[in-house]
Amino acid sequence: MTQDVRQWLAEIKHLQHKLESAYKERDEALSSAANWRRLYETEAQQRRTETALSQQAIADLKDRIKAGQTPNLPLLTGDLPPAIAQQVASLETPESLQQALAQALVECDRLSQALRAEQSDHDQTRKSLTAALGETVDRLAKERAARNS
């Protein structure tokens, strides 16, 4: 009879050990998931900030282009850096103004393309991190299943 009790006690200790191991694995998985989530959020925040700055730069360029097409050009130079204000003041002919406008529009288009590329990169990063997180969770589930078998 004491042999049966010892056997049951040994089985209980074994199960407690397995339970502790499972808790440890769960905690490690949760920690890993939190780390991936933190990395994703950091990346996403950086992309949002870069996007907002790019959109603001594009809006500023559009506003300056529109303001440059009006007869109130001297008002525009008040909020520009001195080098740019001097460059704007040197535009005396309609041809030079058209050339400067064309250059500004080309730069605006380049910035728009760069913004779209950044957005695409952000989407790809999000997908990659999500896939990596999913794979980690799947591997953990498979390891748990194998250990519990």
N, C-alpha and C. Protein backbone atom coordinates (compact mmCIF):
# COMPACT_ATOMS: atom_id res chain seq x y z
N MET A 1 0.81 -1.19 0.00
CA MET A 1 0.00 0.00 0.00
C MET A 1 0.86 1.26 0.00
N THR A 2 1.95 1.25 0.79
CA THR A 2 2.84 2.42 0.81
C THR A 2 3.50 2.61 -0.54
N GLN A 3 3.70 1.49 -1.24
CA GLN A 3 4.28 1.59 -2.59
C GLN A 3 3.35 2.36 -3.51
N ASP A 4 2.02 2.12 -3.41
CA ASP A 4 1.05 2.82 -4.24
C ASP A 4 1.05 4.32 -3.92
N VAL A 5 1.13 4.66 -2.64
CA VAL A 5 1.13 6.06 -2.22
C VAL A 5 2.38 6.75 -2.76
N ARG A 6 3.53 6.09 -2.68
CA ARG A 6 4.78 6.66 -3.18
C ARG A 6 4.70 6.86 -4.70
N GLN A 7 4.10 5.90 -5.35
CA GLN A 7 3.95 6.00 -6.80
C GLN A 7 3.07 7.21 -7.16
N TRP A 8 1.97 7.39 -6.41
CA TRP A 8 1.08 8.52 -6.65
C TRP A 8 1.79 9.84 -6.34
N LEU A 9 2.54 9.88 -5.27
CA LEU A 9 3.29 11.08 -4.92
C LEU A 9 4.32 11.42 -6.00
N ALA A 10 4.99 10.40 -6.51
CA ALA A 10 5.96 10.62 -7.58
C ALA A 10 5.26 11.14 -8.83
N GLU A 11 4.11 10.59 -9.13
CA GLU A 11 3.34 11.04 -10.29
C GLU A 11 2.89 12.48 -10.11
N ILE A 12 2.46 12.83 -8.92
CA ILE A 12 2.04 14.21 -8.63
C ILE A 12 3.20 15.16 -8.81
N LYS A 13 4.39 14.79 -8.29
CA LYS A 13 5.57 15.65 -8.44
C LYS A 13 5.94 15.80 -9.92
N HIS A 14 5.84 14.72 -10.66
CA HIS A 14 6.14 14.76 -12.09
C HIS A 14 5.17 15.71 -12.81
N LEU A 15 3.89 15.61 -12.48
CA LEU A 15 2.89 16.48 -13.10
C LEU A 15 3.09 17.94 -12.69
N GLN A 16 3.48 18.17 -11.43
CA GLN A 16 3.76 19.53 -10.98
C GLN A 16 4.94 20.11 -11.77
N HIS A 17 5.94 19.28 -11.99
CA HIS A 17 7.11 19.73 -12.76
C HIS A 17 6.70 20.08 -14.20
N LYS A 18 5.87 19.24 -14.81
CA LYS A 18 5.40 19.51 -16.16
C LYS A 18 4.56 20.78 -16.20
N LEU A 19 3.76 20.99 -15.16
CA LEU A 19 2.93 22.19 -15.08
C LEU A 19 3.81 23.44 -14.95
N GLU A 20 4.83 23.36 -14.12
CA GLU A 20 5.77 24.48 -13.98
C GLU A 20 6.47 24.76 -15.30
N SER A 21 6.85 23.71 -15.99
CA SER A 21 7.51 23.86 -17.29
C SER A 21 6.55 24.52 -18.29
N ALA A 22 5.31 24.10 -18.28
CA ALA A 22 4.32 24.68 -19.19
C ALA A 22 4.11 26.16 -18.87
N TYR A 23 4.05 26.51 -17.59
CA TYR A 23 3.90 27.91 -17.18
C TYR A 23 5.10 28.72 -17.65
N LYS A 24 6.28 28.15 -17.52
CA LYS A 24 7.49 28.85 -17.95
C LYS A 24 7.46 29.09 -19.46
N GLU A 25 7.09 28.08 -20.22
CA GLU A 25 6.99 28.22 -21.67
C GLU A 25 5.96 29.27 -22.05
N ARG A 26 4.83 29.24 -21.35
CA ARG A 26 3.79 30.24 -21.62
C ARG A 26 4.31 31.64 -21.36
N ASP A 27 5.00 31.82 -20.24
CA ASP A 27 5.54 33.13 -19.89
C ASP A 27 6.57 33.59 -20.93
N GLU A 28 7.40 32.65 -21.39
CA GLU A 28 8.39 32.99 -22.43
C GLU A 28 7.68 33.38 -23.72
N ALA A 29 6.63 32.67 -24.08
CA ALA A 29 5.88 32.98 -25.30
C ALA A 29 5.22 34.35 -25.18
N LEU A 30 4.64 34.62 -24.02
CA LEU A 30 4.01 35.92 -23.81
C LEU A 30 5.04 37.04 -23.86
N SER A 31 6.21 36.78 -23.29
CA SER A 31 7.28 37.77 -23.33
C SER A 31 7.74 38.01 -24.76
N SER A 32 7.89 36.93 -25.51
CA SER A 32 8.29 37.06 -26.91
C SER A 32 7.23 37.82 -27.71
N ALA A 33 5.99 37.49 -27.49
CA ALA A 33 4.90 38.18 -28.19
C ALA A 33 4.89 39.66 -27.83
N ALA A 34 5.09 39.97 -26.57
CA ALA A 34 5.12 41.38 -26.14
C ALA A 34 6.29 42.10 -26.79
N ASN A 35 7.42 41.42 -26.89
CA ASN A 35 8.59 42.03 -27.53
C ASN A 35 8.31 42.31 -29.00
N TRP A 36 7.74 41.33 -29.70
CA TRP A 36 7.39 41.55 -31.11
C TRP A 36 6.38 42.68 -31.25
N ARG A 37 5.40 42.71 -30.36
CA ARG A 37 4.38 43.76 -30.40
C ARG A 37 5.03 45.13 -30.20
N ARG A 38 5.98 45.20 -29.25
CA ARG A 38 6.67 46.46 -28.98
C ARG A 38 7.47 46.89 -30.20
N LEU A 39 8.17 45.94 -30.83
CA LEU A 39 8.94 46.27 -32.02
C LEU A 39 8.04 46.75 -33.16
N TYR A 40 6.91 46.07 -33.31
CA TYR A 40 5.97 46.47 -34.36
C TYR A 40 5.43 47.87 -34.08
N GLU A 41 5.05 48.13 -32.84
CA GLU A 41 4.51 49.45 -32.48
C GLU A 41 5.55 50.54 -32.68
N THR A 42 6.79 50.26 -32.34
CA THR A 42 7.86 51.25 -32.54
C THR A 42 8.02 51.54 -34.02
N GLU A 43 8.08 50.49 -34.83
CA GLU A 43 8.20 50.66 -36.28
C GLU A 43 7.00 51.42 -36.84
N ALA A 44 5.82 51.05 -36.40
CA ALA A 44 4.61 51.70 -36.88
C ALA A 44 4.61 53.19 -36.51
N GLN A 45 5.02 53.50 -35.29
CA GLN A 45 5.06 54.89 -34.86
C GLN A 45 6.07 55.69 -35.69
N GLN A 46 7.22 55.08 -35.97
CA GLN A 46 8.21 55.75 -36.82
C GLN A 46 7.63 56.02 -38.21
N ARG A 47 6.95 55.03 -38.76
CA ARG A 47 6.35 55.20 -40.09
C ARG A 47 5.26 56.28 -40.06
N ARG A 48 4.46 56.30 -39.01
CA ARG A 48 3.41 57.32 -38.91
C ARG A 48 4.04 58.71 -38.82
N THR A 49 5.10 58.84 -38.04
CA THR A 49 5.76 60.13 -37.90
C THR A 49 6.36 60.57 -39.23
N GLU A 50 7.06 59.65 -39.90
CA GLU A 50 7.65 59.98 -41.19
C GLU A 50 6.56 60.34 -42.21
N THR A 51 5.47 59.64 -42.18
CA THR A 51 4.37 59.92 -43.10
C THR A 51 3.79 61.31 -42.83
N ALA A 52 3.57 61.62 -41.56
CA ALA A 52 3.02 62.93 -41.21
C ALA A 52 3.97 64.05 -41.63
N LEU A 53 5.26 63.85 -41.41
CA LEU A 53 6.23 64.87 -41.81
C LEU A 53 6.26 65.04 -43.32
N SER A 54 6.21 63.94 -44.04
CA SER A 54 6.21 64.01 -45.50
C SER A 54 4.95 64.67 -46.02
N GLN A 55 3.82 64.33 -45.44
CA GLN A 55 2.56 64.94 -45.86
C GLN A 55 2.57 66.43 -45.57
N GLN A 56 3.13 66.82 -44.44
CA GLN A 56 3.22 68.23 -44.09
C GLN A 56 4.14 68.96 -45.08
N ALA A 57 5.27 68.33 -45.43
CA ALA A 57 6.19 68.93 -46.40
C ALA A 57 5.51 69.11 -47.75
N ILE A 58 4.74 68.10 -48.17
CA ILE A 58 4.03 68.18 -49.45
C ILE A 58 2.98 69.29 -49.40
N ALA A 59 2.24 69.35 -48.30
CA ALA A 59 1.23 70.40 -48.16
C ALA A 59 1.88 71.78 -48.17
N ASP A 60 3.01 71.93 -47.49
CA ASP A 60 3.71 73.21 -47.48
C ASP A 60 4.16 73.59 -48.88
N LEU A 61 4.71 72.61 -49.62
CA LEU A 61 5.14 72.88 -50.99
C LEU A 61 3.96 73.29 -51.87
N LYS A 62 2.85 72.59 -51.72
CA LYS A 62 1.67 72.94 -52.50
C LYS A 62 1.19 74.34 -52.16
N ASP A 63 1.18 74.68 -50.86
CA ASP A 63 0.77 76.02 -50.44
C ASP A 63 1.71 77.07 -51.01
N ARG A 64 2.99 76.79 -50.99
CA ARG A 64 3.96 77.76 -51.51
C ARG A 64 3.82 77.91 -53.02
N ILE A 65 3.55 76.82 -53.69
CA ILE A 65 3.36 76.88 -55.14
C ILE A 65 2.13 77.73 -55.45
N LYS A 66 1.04 77.48 -54.73
CA LYS A 66 -0.18 78.26 -54.94
C LYS A 66 0.06 79.72 -54.62
N ALA A 67 0.75 79.98 -53.52
CA ALA A 67 1.02 81.36 -53.14
C ALA A 67 1.95 82.02 -54.15
N GLY A 68 2.84 81.27 -54.76
CA GLY A 68 3.75 81.80 -55.76
C GLY A 68 3.04 82.18 -57.04
N GLN A 69 1.85 81.69 -57.28
CA GLN A 69 1.10 81.99 -58.48
C GLN A 69 0.24 83.24 -58.32
N THR A 70 0.22 83.80 -57.14
CA THR A 70 -0.57 85.00 -56.89
C THR A 70 0.32 86.23 -56.99
N PRO A 71 -0.26 87.42 -57.18
CA PRO A 71 0.55 88.63 -57.27
C PRO A 71 1.18 89.03 -55.93
N ASN A 72 0.79 88.43 -54.83
CA ASN A 72 1.31 88.80 -53.51
C ASN A 72 2.57 88.03 -53.18
N LEU A 73 3.48 87.88 -54.09
CA LEU A 73 4.70 87.12 -53.90
C LEU A 73 5.57 87.63 -52.75
N PRO A 74 5.71 88.94 -52.53
CA PRO A 74 6.55 89.38 -51.41
C PRO A 74 6.07 88.86 -50.05
N LEU A 75 4.79 88.61 -49.88
CA LEU A 75 4.30 88.07 -48.62
C LEU A 75 4.83 86.66 -48.39
N LEU A 76 5.08 85.93 -49.45
CA LEU A 76 5.56 84.56 -49.37
C LEU A 76 6.96 84.49 -48.77
N THR A 77 7.81 85.44 -49.10
CA THR A 77 9.20 85.37 -48.69
C THR A 77 9.39 85.60 -47.20
N GLY A 78 8.40 86.08 -46.50
CA GLY A 78 8.55 86.35 -45.07
C GLY A 78 8.78 85.11 -44.23
N ASP A 79 8.22 83.96 -44.62
CA ASP A 79 8.36 82.75 -43.81
C ASP A 79 9.36 81.76 -44.40
N LEU A 80 10.13 82.20 -45.38
CA LEU A 80 11.12 81.33 -46.01
C LEU A 80 12.51 81.56 -45.42
N PRO A 81 13.35 80.54 -45.45
CA PRO A 81 14.75 80.77 -45.08
C PRO A 81 15.36 81.78 -46.05
N PRO A 82 16.35 82.53 -45.60
CA PRO A 82 16.91 83.61 -46.43
C PRO A 82 17.40 83.15 -47.81
N ALA A 83 18.04 82.00 -47.90
CA ALA A 83 18.55 81.54 -49.19
C ALA A 83 17.41 81.29 -50.17
N ILE A 84 16.34 80.71 -49.69
CA ILE A 84 15.20 80.43 -50.56
C ILE A 84 14.48 81.73 -50.90
N ALA A 85 14.35 82.63 -49.95
CA ALA A 85 13.70 83.92 -50.20
C ALA A 85 14.46 84.69 -51.27
N GLN A 86 15.78 84.63 -51.22
CA GLN A 86 16.61 85.30 -52.22
C GLN A 86 16.39 84.67 -53.59
N GLN A 87 16.31 83.36 -53.62
CA GLN A 87 16.08 82.65 -54.87
C GLN A 87 14.72 83.02 -55.46
N VAL A 88 13.70 83.11 -54.62
CA VAL A 88 12.35 83.49 -55.08
C VAL A 88 12.37 84.93 -55.59
N ALA A 89 13.06 85.80 -54.88
CA ALA A 89 13.12 87.20 -55.30
C ALA A 89 13.83 87.36 -56.64
N SER A 90 14.72 86.43 -56.97
CA SER A 90 15.46 86.53 -58.23
C SER A 90 14.63 86.09 -59.43
N LEU A 91 13.47 85.55 -59.21
CA LEU A 91 12.61 85.10 -60.31
C LEU A 91 11.88 86.31 -60.87
N GLU A 92 12.40 86.83 -61.95
CA GLU A 92 11.86 88.08 -62.48
C GLU A 92 10.98 87.86 -63.71
N THR A 93 11.24 86.81 -64.45
CA THR A 93 10.49 86.60 -65.69
C THR A 93 9.52 85.46 -65.50
N PRO A 94 8.47 85.47 -66.30
CA PRO A 94 7.52 84.36 -66.24
C PRO A 94 8.18 83.01 -66.55
N GLU A 95 9.20 83.02 -67.43
CA GLU A 95 9.88 81.78 -67.77
C GLU A 95 10.64 81.22 -66.57
N SER A 96 11.31 82.09 -65.82
CA SER A 96 12.05 81.61 -64.65
C SER A 96 11.09 81.14 -63.56
N LEU A 97 9.96 81.82 -63.47
CA LEU A 97 8.95 81.39 -62.51
C LEU A 97 8.38 80.03 -62.92
N GLN A 98 8.14 79.82 -64.20
CA GLN A 98 7.64 78.53 -64.68
C GLN A 98 8.67 77.44 -64.44
N GLN A 99 9.94 77.75 -64.65
CA GLN A 99 10.99 76.76 -64.42
C GLN A 99 11.07 76.38 -62.94
N ALA A 100 11.00 77.38 -62.08
CA ALA A 100 11.04 77.11 -60.64
C ALA A 100 9.81 76.31 -60.22
N LEU A 101 8.66 76.65 -60.78
CA LEU A 101 7.43 75.91 -60.49
C LEU A 101 7.56 74.46 -60.95
N ALA A 102 8.11 74.26 -62.13
CA ALA A 102 8.29 72.90 -62.65
C ALA A 102 9.22 72.11 -61.73
N GLN A 103 10.31 72.74 -61.28
CA GLN A 103 11.23 72.06 -60.36
C GLN A 103 10.52 71.71 -59.04
N ALA A 104 9.72 72.64 -58.56
CA ALA A 104 9.01 72.39 -57.30
C ALA A 104 8.00 71.25 -57.48
N LEU A 105 7.33 71.22 -58.62
CA LEU A 105 6.36 70.15 -58.87
C LEU A 105 7.07 68.80 -59.01
N VAL A 106 8.24 68.80 -59.64
CA VAL A 106 9.01 67.56 -59.76
C VAL A 106 9.41 67.08 -58.36
N GLU A 107 9.86 68.01 -57.51
CA GLU A 107 10.24 67.66 -56.13
C GLU A 107 9.03 67.16 -55.35
N CYS A 108 7.89 67.80 -55.55
CA CYS A 108 6.65 67.36 -54.89
C CYS A 108 6.30 65.94 -55.33
N ASP A 109 6.42 65.67 -56.61
CA ASP A 109 6.14 64.33 -57.13
C ASP A 109 7.12 63.31 -56.55
N ARG A 110 8.40 63.68 -56.47
CA ARG A 110 9.41 62.78 -55.90
C ARG A 110 9.09 62.48 -54.44
N LEU A 111 8.69 63.51 -53.70
CA LEU A 111 8.33 63.31 -52.28
C LEU A 111 7.08 62.43 -52.16
N SER A 112 6.14 62.61 -53.06
CA SER A 112 4.93 61.77 -53.05
C SER A 112 5.28 60.31 -53.30
N GLN A 113 6.19 60.09 -54.27
CA GLN A 113 6.62 58.72 -54.55
C GLN A 113 7.37 58.13 -53.36
N ALA A 114 8.21 58.95 -52.72
CA ALA A 114 8.94 58.48 -51.55
C ALA A 114 7.97 58.13 -50.43
N LEU A 115 6.92 58.93 -50.27
CA LEU A 115 5.91 58.66 -49.25
C LEU A 115 5.20 57.34 -49.55
N ARG A 116 4.82 57.13 -50.80
CA ARG A 116 4.16 55.87 -51.16
C ARG A 116 5.09 54.69 -50.92
N ALA A 117 6.38 54.85 -51.22
CA ALA A 117 7.35 53.78 -50.99
C ALA A 117 7.47 53.49 -49.49
N GLU A 118 7.49 54.53 -48.68
CA GLU A 118 7.56 54.35 -47.22
C GLU A 118 6.31 53.64 -46.71
N GLN A 119 5.17 54.01 -47.23
CA GLN A 119 3.93 53.35 -46.83
C GLN A 119 3.96 51.88 -47.23
N SER A 120 4.46 51.60 -48.40
CA SER A 120 4.58 50.21 -48.86
C SER A 120 5.55 49.44 -47.97
N ASP A 121 6.69 50.06 -47.65
CA ASP A 121 7.66 49.42 -46.75
C ASP A 121 7.04 49.16 -45.38
N HIS A 122 6.25 50.11 -44.90
CA HIS A 122 5.59 49.93 -43.61
C HIS A 122 4.63 48.75 -43.66
N ASP A 123 3.86 48.67 -44.73
CA ASP A 123 2.92 47.54 -44.87
C ASP A 123 3.69 46.22 -44.89
N GLN A 124 4.79 46.18 -45.62
CA GLN A 124 5.59 44.95 -45.71
C GLN A 124 6.18 44.60 -44.34
N THR A 125 6.66 45.60 -43.62
CA THR A 125 7.21 45.35 -42.28
C THR A 125 6.13 44.80 -41.36
N ARG A 126 4.95 45.39 -41.41
CA ARG A 126 3.84 44.93 -40.58
C ARG A 126 3.50 43.48 -40.91
N LYS A 127 3.45 43.16 -42.20
CA LYS A 127 3.13 41.79 -42.60
C LYS A 127 4.21 40.82 -42.14
N SER A 128 5.48 41.23 -42.28
CA SER A 128 6.59 40.36 -41.88
C SER A 128 6.58 40.10 -40.38
N LEU A 129 6.38 41.17 -39.60
CA LEU A 129 6.36 41.01 -38.15
C LEU A 129 5.16 40.19 -37.70
N THR A 130 4.03 40.40 -38.34
CA THR A 130 2.85 39.62 -38.00
C THR A 130 3.07 38.15 -38.34
N ALA A 131 3.68 37.88 -39.49
CA ALA A 131 3.96 36.50 -39.89
C ALA A 131 4.94 35.85 -38.92
N ALA A 132 5.98 36.59 -38.54
CA ALA A 132 6.97 36.06 -37.59
C ALA A 132 6.32 35.76 -36.24
N LEU A 133 5.44 36.64 -35.81
CA LEU A 133 4.74 36.42 -34.54
C LEU A 133 3.86 35.18 -34.64
N GLY A 134 3.16 35.05 -35.76
CA GLY A 134 2.31 33.86 -35.96
C GLY A 134 3.11 32.58 -35.98
N GLU A 135 4.26 32.61 -36.65
CA GLU A 135 5.12 31.42 -36.71
C GLU A 135 5.64 31.06 -35.32
N THR A 136 5.99 32.07 -34.53
CA THR A 136 6.47 31.82 -33.17
C THR A 136 5.39 31.17 -32.33
N VAL A 137 4.19 31.68 -32.44
CA VAL A 137 3.08 31.11 -31.67
C VAL A 137 2.80 29.68 -32.14
N ASP A 138 2.84 29.44 -33.47
CA ASP A 138 2.63 28.09 -33.99
C ASP A 138 3.70 27.12 -33.49
N ARG A 139 4.95 27.56 -33.52
CA ARG A 139 6.04 26.69 -33.04
C ARG A 139 5.87 26.36 -31.56
N LEU A 140 5.50 27.36 -30.80
CA LEU A 140 5.29 27.15 -29.37
C LEU A 140 4.16 26.14 -29.15
N ALA A 141 3.10 26.28 -29.91
CA ALA A 141 1.97 25.35 -29.77
C ALA A 141 2.40 23.93 -30.15
N LYS A 142 3.21 23.80 -31.20
CA LYS A 142 3.68 22.47 -31.61
C LYS A 142 4.60 21.86 -30.56
N GLU A 143 5.48 22.69 -29.99
CA GLU A 143 6.37 22.18 -28.95
C GLU A 143 5.59 21.74 -27.71
N ARG A 144 4.60 22.51 -27.37
CA ARG A 144 3.77 22.14 -26.21
C ARG A 144 3.05 20.83 -26.48
N ALA A 145 2.52 20.70 -27.69
CA ALA A 145 1.79 19.49 -28.04
C ALA A 145 2.73 18.28 -28.02
N ALA A 146 3.96 18.49 -28.50
CA ALA A 146 4.92 17.39 -28.51
C ALA A 146 5.34 17.01 -27.11
N ARG A 147 5.50 17.97 -26.25
CA ARG A 147 5.89 17.68 -24.87
C ARG A 147 4.77 17.03 -24.06
N ASN A 148 3.55 17.42 -24.40
CA ASN A 148 2.40 16.86 -23.67
C ASN A 148 2.04 15.47 -24.18
N SER A 149 2.59 15.06 -25.30
CA SER A 149 2.25 13.75 -25.85
C SER A 149 2.97 12.62 -25.13
